[in-house]
Amino acid sequence: NTCENLVNAYDLFVERLNGVCKDTASLIEFYNKVVEGV
């Protein structure tokens, strides 16, 4: 169950990132704000 849940979480994050980060600049912005501000 742990392995399945980890893979499902990863796949969901990839799908959601593709939906929100439409280009390289938006992916970089997302990453920087998350690691600096969360």
All heavy atoms as atom14 arrays in JSON, in Angstrom:
{
  "sequence": "NTCENLVNAYDLFVERLNGVCKDTASLIEFYNKVVEGV",
  "atom14_mask": [
    [1, 1, 1, 1, 1, 1, 1, 1, 0, 0, 0, 0, 0, 0],
    [1, 1, 1, 1, 1, 1, 1, 0, 0, 0, 0, 0, 0, 0],
    [1, 1, 1, 1, 1, 1, 0, 0, 0, 0, 0, 0, 0, 0],
    [1, 1, 1, 1, 1, 1, 1, 1, 1, 0, 0, 0, 0, 0],
    [1, 1, 1, 1, 1, 1, 1, 1, 0, 0, 0, 0, 0, 0],
    [1, 1, 1, 1, 1, 1, 1, 1, 0, 0, 0, 0, 0, 0],
    [1, 1, 1, 1, 1, 1, 1, 0, 0, 0, 0, 0, 0, 0],
    [1, 1, 1, 1, 1, 1, 1, 1, 0, 0, 0, 0, 0, 0],
    [1, 1, 1, 1, 1, 0, 0, 0, 0, 0, 0, 0, 0, 0],
    [1, 1, 1, 1, 1, 1, 1, 1, 1, 1, 1, 1, 0, 0],
    [1, 1, 1, 1, 1, 1, 1, 1, 0, 0, 0, 0, 0, 0],
    [1, 1, 1, 1, 1, 1, 1, 1, 0, 0, 0, 0, 0, 0],
    [1, 1, 1, 1, 1, 1, 1, 1, 1, 1, 1, 0, 0, 0],
    [1, 1, 1, 1, 1, 1, 1, 0, 0, 0, 0, 0, 0, 0],
    [1, 1, 1, 1, 1, 1, 1, 1, 1, 0, 0, 0, 0, 0],
    [1, 1, 1, 1, 1, 1, 1, 1, 1, 1, 1, 0, 0, 0],
    [1, 1, 1, 1, 1, 1, 1, 1, 0, 0, 0, 0, 0, 0],
    [1, 1, 1, 1, 1, 1, 1, 1, 0, 0, 0, 0, 0, 0],
    [1, 1, 1, 1, 0, 0, 0, 0, 0, 0, 0, 0, 0, 0],
    [1, 1, 1, 1, 1, 1, 1, 0, 0, 0, 0, 0, 0, 0],
    [1, 1, 1, 1, 1, 1, 0, 0, 0, 0, 0, 0, 0, 0],
    [1, 1, 1, 1, 1, 1, 1, 1, 1, 0, 0, 0, 0, 0],
    [1, 1, 1, 1, 1, 1, 1, 1, 0, 0, 0, 0, 0, 0],
    [1, 1, 1, 1, 1, 1, 1, 0, 0, 0, 0, 0, 0, 0],
    [1, 1, 1, 1, 1, 0, 0, 0, 0, 0, 0, 0, 0, 0],
    [1, 1, 1, 1, 1, 1, 0, 0, 0, 0, 0, 0, 0, 0],
    [1, 1, 1, 1, 1, 1, 1, 1, 0, 0, 0, 0, 0, 0],
    [1, 1, 1, 1, 1, 1, 1, 1, 0, 0, 0, 0, 0, 0],
    [1, 1, 1, 1, 1, 1, 1, 1, 1, 0, 0, 0, 0, 0],
    [1, 1, 1, 1, 1, 1, 1, 1, 1, 1, 1, 0, 0, 0],
    [1, 1, 1, 1, 1, 1, 1, 1, 1, 1, 1, 1, 0, 0],
    [1, 1, 1, 1, 1, 1, 1, 1, 0, 0, 0, 0, 0, 0],
    [1, 1, 1, 1, 1, 1, 1, 1, 1, 0, 0, 0, 0, 0],
    [1, 1, 1, 1, 1, 1, 1, 0, 0, 0, 0, 0, 0, 0],
    [1, 1, 1, 1, 1, 1, 1, 0, 0, 0, 0, 0, 0, 0],
    [1, 1, 1, 1, 1, 1, 1, 1, 1, 0, 0, 0, 0, 0],
    [1, 1, 1, 1, 0, 0, 0, 0, 0, 0, 0, 0, 0, 0],
    [1, 1, 1, 1, 1, 1, 1, 0, 0, 0, 0, 0, 0, 0]
  ],
  "atom14_positions": [
    [[0.83, -1.21, 0.0], [0.0, 0.0, 0.0], [0.86, 1.25, 0.0], [0.55, 2.24, -0.66], [-0.94, 0.02, 1.21], [-2.07, -0.98, 1.07], [-2.42, -1.38, -0.03], [-2.63, -1.39, 2.19], [0.0, 0.0, 0.0], [0.0, 0.0, 0.0], [0.0, 0.0, 0.0], [0.0, 0.0, 0.0], [0.0, 0.0, 0.0], [0.0, 0.0, 0.0]],
    [[1.96, 1.23, 0.77], [2.87, 2.38, 0.83], [3.42, 2.7, -0.56], [3.38, 3.85, -1.01], [4.02, 2.12, 1.81], [3.5, 2.05, 3.13], [5.06, 3.22, 1.74], [0.0, 0.0, 0.0], [0.0, 0.0, 0.0], [0.0, 0.0, 0.0], [0.0, 0.0, 0.0], [0.0, 0.0, 0.0], [0.0, 0.0, 0.0], [0.0, 0.0, 0.0]],
    [[3.93, 1.67, -1.25], [4.5, 1.89, -2.58], [3.46, 2.4, -3.56], [3.71, 3.34, -4.33], [5.14, 0.6, -3.09], [6.64, 0.13, -2.21], [0.0, 0.0, 0.0], [0.0, 0.0, 0.0], [0.0, 0.0, 0.0], [0.0, 0.0, 0.0], [0.0, 0.0, 0.0], [0.0, 0.0, 0.0], [0.0, 0.0, 0.0], [0.0, 0.0, 0.0]],
    [[2.28, 1.8, -3.52], [1.22, 2.24, -4.43], [0.82, 3.69, -4.16], [0.64, 4.47, -5.09], [0.01, 1.31, -4.26], [-1.06, 1.54, -5.29], [-2.17, 0.49, -5.22], [-1.91, -0.64, -4.77], [-3.29, 0.84, -5.61], [0.0, 0.0, 0.0], [0.0, 0.0, 0.0], [0.0, 0.0, 0.0], [0.0, 0.0, 0.0], [0.0, 0.0, 0.0]],
    [[0.7, 4.05, -2.88], [0.33, 5.42, -2.53], [1.41, 6.42, -2.92], [1.11, 7.54, -3.35], [0.01, 5.53, -1.04], [-1.27, 4.8, -0.67], [-2.16, 4.65, -1.49], [-1.34, 4.31, 0.56], [0.0, 0.0, 0.0], [0.0, 0.0, 0.0], [0.0, 0.0, 0.0], [0.0, 0.0, 0.0], [0.0, 0.0, 0.0], [0.0, 0.0, 0.0]],
    [[2.68, 6.04, -2.79], [3.78, 6.92, -3.19], [3.75, 7.18, -4.7], [3.89, 8.33, -5.15], [5.12, 6.31, -2.79], [5.47, 6.35, -1.31], [6.63, 5.39, -1.01], [5.83, 7.76, -0.86], [0.0, 0.0, 0.0], [0.0, 0.0, 0.0], [0.0, 0.0, 0.0], [0.0, 0.0, 0.0], [0.0, 0.0, 0.0], [0.0, 0.0, 0.0]],
    [[3.55, 6.12, -5.48], [3.5, 6.27, -6.94], [2.29, 7.1, -7.35], [2.39, 7.99, -8.21], [3.48, 4.88, -7.63], [3.2, 5.02, -9.12], [4.81, 4.16, -7.4], [0.0, 0.0, 0.0], [0.0, 0.0, 0.0], [0.0, 0.0, 0.0], [0.0, 0.0, 0.0], [0.0, 0.0, 0.0], [0.0, 0.0, 0.0], [0.0, 0.0, 0.0]],
    [[1.15, 6.85, -6.72], [-0.05, 7.62, -7.05], [0.15, 9.1, -6.72], [-0.25, 9.97, -7.5], [-1.26, 7.07, -6.29], [-1.72, 5.73, -6.82], [-1.4, 5.35, -7.94], [-2.47, 4.99, -6.02], [0.0, 0.0, 0.0], [0.0, 0.0, 0.0], [0.0, 0.0, 0.0], [0.0, 0.0, 0.0], [0.0, 0.0, 0.0], [0.0, 0.0, 0.0]],
    [[0.76, 9.39, -5.57], [1.03, 10.78, -5.19], [1.95, 11.44, -6.22], [1.7, 12.57, -6.66], [1.65, 10.84, -3.8], [0.0, 0.0, 0.0], [0.0, 0.0, 0.0], [0.0, 0.0, 0.0], [0.0, 0.0, 0.0], [0.0, 0.0, 0.0], [0.0, 0.0, 0.0], [0.0, 0.0, 0.0], [0.0, 0.0, 0.0], [0.0, 0.0, 0.0]],
    [[3.01, 10.74, -6.6], [3.96, 11.27, -7.58], [3.25, 11.58, -8.91], [3.4, 12.67, -9.48], [5.1, 10.27, -7.79], [6.1, 10.71, -8.83], [7.18, 11.52, -8.48], [5.98, 10.31, -10.16], [8.1, 11.93, -9.43], [6.88, 10.72, -11.12], [7.95, 11.52, -10.75], [8.85, 11.93, -11.7], [0.0, 0.0, 0.0], [0.0, 0.0, 0.0]],
    [[2.47, 10.61, -9.4], [1.78, 10.79, -10.68], [0.8, 11.96, -10.61], [0.67, 12.72, -11.57], [1.06, 9.51, -11.08], [2.01, 8.39, -11.49], [3.2, 8.68, -11.75], [1.57, 7.22, -11.53], [0.0, 0.0, 0.0], [0.0, 0.0, 0.0], [0.0, 0.0, 0.0], [0.0, 0.0, 0.0], [0.0, 0.0, 0.0], [0.0, 0.0, 0.0]],
    [[0.1, 12.1, -9.49], [-0.83, 13.22, -9.32], [-0.09, 14.55, -9.31], [-0.54, 15.52, -9.94], [-1.63, 13.06, -8.03], [-2.79, 12.07, -8.1], [-3.28, 11.73, -6.7], [-3.94, 12.66, -8.92], [0.0, 0.0, 0.0], [0.0, 0.0, 0.0], [0.0, 0.0, 0.0], [0.0, 0.0, 0.0], [0.0, 0.0, 0.0], [0.0, 0.0, 0.0]],
    [[1.05, 14.6, -8.62], [1.82, 15.84, -8.6], [2.29, 16.21, -10.0], [2.23, 17.38, -10.39], [3.01, 15.73, -7.65], [2.67, 15.91, -6.2], [3.19, 15.06, -5.23], [1.86, 16.96, -5.78], [2.9, 15.23, -3.89], [1.56, 17.14, -4.44], [2.08, 16.27, -3.49], [0.0, 0.0, 0.0], [0.0, 0.0, 0.0], [0.0, 0.0, 0.0]],
    [[2.76, 15.24, -10.75], [3.2, 15.51, -12.13], [2.04, 16.06, -12.96], [2.17, 17.06, -13.68], [3.8, 14.24, -12.78], [3.99, 14.44, -14.29], [5.11, 13.86, -12.12], [0.0, 0.0, 0.0], [0.0, 0.0, 0.0], [0.0, 0.0, 0.0], [0.0, 0.0, 0.0], [0.0, 0.0, 0.0], [0.0, 0.0, 0.0], [0.0, 0.0, 0.0]],
    [[0.87, 15.42, -12.83], [-0.31, 15.87, -13.58], [-0.7, 17.3, -13.18], [-1.0, 18.13, -14.05], [-1.47, 14.91, -13.3], [-2.72, 15.18, -14.08], [-3.82, 14.19, -13.73], [-3.53, 12.98, -13.62], [-4.97, 14.64, -13.56], [0.0, 0.0, 0.0], [0.0, 0.0, 0.0], [0.0, 0.0, 0.0], [0.0, 0.0, 0.0], [0.0, 0.0, 0.0]],
    [[-0.7, 17.57, -11.89], [-1.09, 18.91, -11.41], [-0.05, 19.96, -11.82], [-0.41, 21.08, -12.17], [-1.28, 18.93, -9.9], [-2.32, 17.96, -9.33], [-3.68, 18.12, -9.98], [-4.66, 17.21, -9.4], [-5.06, 16.07, -9.95], [-4.57, 15.69, -11.11], [-5.96, 15.32, -9.36], [0.0, 0.0, 0.0], [0.0, 0.0, 0.0], [0.0, 0.0, 0.0]],
    [[1.22, 19.61, -11.75], [2.27, 20.54, -12.18], [2.1, 20.89, -13.66], [2.25, 22.05, -14.05], [3.65, 19.94, -11.93], [4.17, 19.96, -10.5], [5.38, 19.04, -10.35], [4.53, 21.37, -10.06], [0.0, 0.0, 0.0], [0.0, 0.0, 0.0], [0.0, 0.0, 0.0], [0.0, 0.0, 0.0], [0.0, 0.0, 0.0], [0.0, 0.0, 0.0]],
    [[1.82, 19.89, -14.47], [1.62, 20.13, -15.9], [0.43, 21.06, -16.14], [0.42, 21.84, -17.09], [1.41, 18.81, -16.65], [2.71, 18.06, -16.85], [3.77, 18.66, -16.93], [2.62, 16.74, -16.91], [0.0, 0.0, 0.0], [0.0, 0.0, 0.0], [0.0, 0.0, 0.0], [0.0, 0.0, 0.0], [0.0, 0.0, 0.0], [0.0, 0.0, 0.0]],
    [[-0.57, 20.98, -15.26], [-1.74, 21.83, -15.41], [-1.5, 23.27, -15.0], [-2.08, 24.19, -15.55], [0.0, 0.0, 0.0], [0.0, 0.0, 0.0], [0.0, 0.0, 0.0], [0.0, 0.0, 0.0], [0.0, 0.0, 0.0], [0.0, 0.0, 0.0], [0.0, 0.0, 0.0], [0.0, 0.0, 0.0], [0.0, 0.0, 0.0], [0.0, 0.0, 0.0]],
    [[-0.63, 23.47, -14.01], [-0.41, 24.8, -13.45], [0.8, 25.49, -14.08], [0.78, 26.69, -14.33], [-0.22, 24.69, -11.91], [0.29, 25.99, -11.32], [-1.53, 24.29, -11.24], [0.0, 0.0, 0.0], [0.0, 0.0, 0.0], [0.0, 0.0, 0.0], [0.0, 0.0, 0.0], [0.0, 0.0, 0.0], [0.0, 0.0, 0.0], [0.0, 0.0, 0.0]],
    [[1.85, 24.74, -14.34], [3.1, 25.31, -14.85], [3.15, 25.09, -16.36], [3.57, 24.02, -16.83], [4.3, 24.67, -14.16], [4.26, 24.87, -12.37], [0.0, 0.0, 0.0], [0.0, 0.0, 0.0], [0.0, 0.0, 0.0], [0.0, 0.0, 0.0], [0.0, 0.0, 0.0], [0.0, 0.0, 0.0], [0.0, 0.0, 0.0], [0.0, 0.0, 0.0]],
    [[2.71, 26.08, -17.08], [2.56, 25.94, -18.54], [3.87, 26.12, -19.3], [3.95, 25.79, -20.47], [1.54, 26.96, -19.05], [0.16, 26.8, -18.45], [-0.48, 25.49, -18.85], [-1.93, 25.43, -18.41], [-2.53, 24.11, -18.64], [0.0, 0.0, 0.0], [0.0, 0.0, 0.0], [0.0, 0.0, 0.0], [0.0, 0.0, 0.0], [0.0, 0.0, 0.0]],
    [[4.88, 26.68, -18.64], [6.16, 26.89, -19.31], [7.27, 26.81, -18.27], [7.02, 26.65, -17.07], [6.18, 28.22, -20.05], [5.83, 29.4, -19.16], [6.04, 29.32, -17.93], [5.33, 30.41, -19.69], [0.0, 0.0, 0.0], [0.0, 0.0, 0.0], [0.0, 0.0, 0.0], [0.0, 0.0, 0.0], [0.0, 0.0, 0.0], [0.0, 0.0, 0.0]],
    [[8.5, 26.93, -18.74], [9.66, 26.81, -17.86], [9.66, 27.88, -16.78], [9.92, 27.6, -15.61], [10.96, 26.91, -18.69], [10.97, 25.87, -19.67], [12.19, 26.78, -17.8], [0.0, 0.0, 0.0], [0.0, 0.0, 0.0], [0.0, 0.0, 0.0], [0.0, 0.0, 0.0], [0.0, 0.0, 0.0], [0.0, 0.0, 0.0], [0.0, 0.0, 0.0]],
    [[9.32, 29.1, -17.15], [9.34, 30.21, -16.18], [8.36, 29.97, -15.04], [8.67, 30.23, -13.87], [9.02, 31.52, -16.88], [0.0, 0.0, 0.0], [0.0, 0.0, 0.0], [0.0, 0.0, 0.0], [0.0, 0.0, 0.0], [0.0, 0.0, 0.0], [0.0, 0.0, 0.0], [0.0, 0.0, 0.0], [0.0, 0.0, 0.0], [0.0, 0.0, 0.0]],
    [[7.17, 29.45, -15.35], [6.17, 29.23, -14.3], [6.57, 28.06, -13.4], [6.28, 28.06, -12.2], [4.78, 29.02, -14.89], [4.75, 27.92, -15.76], [0.0, 0.0, 0.0], [0.0, 0.0, 0.0], [0.0, 0.0, 0.0], [0.0, 0.0, 0.0], [0.0, 0.0, 0.0], [0.0, 0.0, 0.0], [0.0, 0.0, 0.0], [0.0, 0.0, 0.0]],
    [[7.26, 27.05, -13.94], [7.75, 25.95, -13.11], [8.83, 26.44, -12.15], [8.83, 26.1, -10.97], [8.3, 24.83, -14.0], [8.83, 23.58, -13.27], [7.74, 22.92, -12.44], [9.42, 22.59, -14.28], [0.0, 0.0, 0.0], [0.0, 0.0, 0.0], [0.0, 0.0, 0.0], [0.0, 0.0, 0.0], [0.0, 0.0, 0.0], [0.0, 0.0, 0.0]],
    [[9.73, 27.28, -12.66], [10.79, 27.86, -11.81], [10.17, 28.73, -10.73], [10.57, 28.65, -9.55], [11.78, 28.66, -12.67], [12.58, 27.72, -13.57], [12.71, 29.5, -11.79], [13.43, 28.43, -14.61], [0.0, 0.0, 0.0], [0.0, 0.0, 0.0], [0.0, 0.0, 0.0], [0.0, 0.0, 0.0], [0.0, 0.0, 0.0], [0.0, 0.0, 0.0]],
    [[9.18, 29.55, -11.09], [8.52, 30.41, -10.11], [7.83, 29.58, -9.03], [7.92, 29.88, -7.84], [7.49, 31.3, -10.81], [6.74, 32.21, -9.84], [5.57, 32.94, -10.5], [5.27, 32.67, -11.67], [4.97, 33.78, -9.81], [0.0, 0.0, 0.0], [0.0, 0.0, 0.0], [0.0, 0.0, 0.0], [0.0, 0.0, 0.0], [0.0, 0.0, 0.0]],
    [[7.14, 28.52, -9.45], [6.45, 27.64, -8.5], [7.47, 27.05, -7.53], [7.29, 27.1, -6.31], [5.72, 26.53, -9.26], [4.9, 25.63, -8.38], [3.55, 25.87, -8.18], [5.47, 24.53, -7.75], [2.78, 25.05, -7.37], [4.72, 23.7, -6.94], [3.37, 23.96, -6.75], [0.0, 0.0, 0.0], [0.0, 0.0, 0.0], [0.0, 0.0, 0.0]],
    [[8.54, 26.49, -8.06], [9.57, 25.87, -7.22], [10.16, 26.87, -6.23], [10.23, 26.6, -5.02], [10.67, 25.27, -8.08], [11.88, 24.88, -7.27], [11.86, 23.77, -6.45], [13.03, 25.67, -7.29], [12.96, 23.43, -5.68], [14.12, 25.34, -6.52], [14.09, 24.22, -5.72], [15.17, 23.9, -4.95], [0.0, 0.0, 0.0], [0.0, 0.0, 0.0]],
    [[10.59, 28.02, -6.73], [11.25, 29.0, -5.86], [10.34, 29.48, -4.74], [10.75, 29.58, -3.58], [11.78, 30.18, -6.67], [13.07, 29.85, -7.39], [13.9, 29.1, -6.88], [13.26, 30.41, -8.56], [0.0, 0.0, 0.0], [0.0, 0.0, 0.0], [0.0, 0.0, 0.0], [0.0, 0.0, 0.0], [0.0, 0.0, 0.0], [0.0, 0.0, 0.0]],
    [[9.09, 29.78, -5.08], [8.2, 30.29, -4.03], [7.89, 29.21, -3.0], [7.83, 29.49, -1.8], [6.91, 30.85, -4.63], [6.07, 31.55, -3.56], [5.21, 32.66, -4.09], [4.5, 33.36, -2.92], [3.47, 34.29, -3.38], [0.0, 0.0, 0.0], [0.0, 0.0, 0.0], [0.0, 0.0, 0.0], [0.0, 0.0, 0.0], [0.0, 0.0, 0.0]],
    [[7.74, 27.97, -3.44], [7.44, 26.89, -2.51], [8.62, 26.63, -1.57], [8.44, 26.53, -0.36], [7.04, 25.61, -3.29], [7.1, 24.38, -2.4], [5.63, 25.77, -3.86], [0.0, 0.0, 0.0], [0.0, 0.0, 0.0], [0.0, 0.0, 0.0], [0.0, 0.0, 0.0], [0.0, 0.0, 0.0], [0.0, 0.0, 0.0], [0.0, 0.0, 0.0]],
    [[9.84, 26.52, -2.11], [10.96, 26.19, -1.21], [11.35, 27.35, -0.31], [11.87, 27.14, 0.78], [12.21, 25.66, -1.97], [11.91, 24.33, -2.64], [12.78, 26.65, -2.92], [0.0, 0.0, 0.0], [0.0, 0.0, 0.0], [0.0, 0.0, 0.0], [0.0, 0.0, 0.0], [0.0, 0.0, 0.0], [0.0, 0.0, 0.0], [0.0, 0.0, 0.0]],
    [[11.08, 28.58, -0.75], [11.42, 29.74, 0.08], [10.33, 30.08, 1.08], [10.61, 30.55, 2.18], [11.69, 30.96, -0.82], [12.97, 30.85, -1.62], [13.05, 31.9, -2.72], [12.2, 32.81, -2.76], [13.97, 31.8, -3.55], [0.0, 0.0, 0.0], [0.0, 0.0, 0.0], [0.0, 0.0, 0.0], [0.0, 0.0, 0.0], [0.0, 0.0, 0.0]],
    [[9.06, 29.86, 0.7], [7.97, 30.39, 1.51], [7.15, 29.39, 2.29], [6.42, 29.76, 3.2], [0.0, 0.0, 0.0], [0.0, 0.0, 0.0], [0.0, 0.0, 0.0], [0.0, 0.0, 0.0], [0.0, 0.0, 0.0], [0.0, 0.0, 0.0], [0.0, 0.0, 0.0], [0.0, 0.0, 0.0], [0.0, 0.0, 0.0], [0.0, 0.0, 0.0]],
    [[7.23, 28.1, 1.94], [6.46, 27.1, 2.68], [7.21, 26.76, 3.96], [8.4, 26.43, 3.93], [6.2, 25.85, 1.83], [5.56, 24.74, 2.66], [5.3, 26.2, 0.65], [0.0, 0.0, 0.0], [0.0, 0.0, 0.0], [0.0, 0.0, 0.0], [0.0, 0.0, 0.0], [0.0, 0.0, 0.0], [0.0, 0.0, 0.0], [0.0, 0.0, 0.0]]
  ]
}
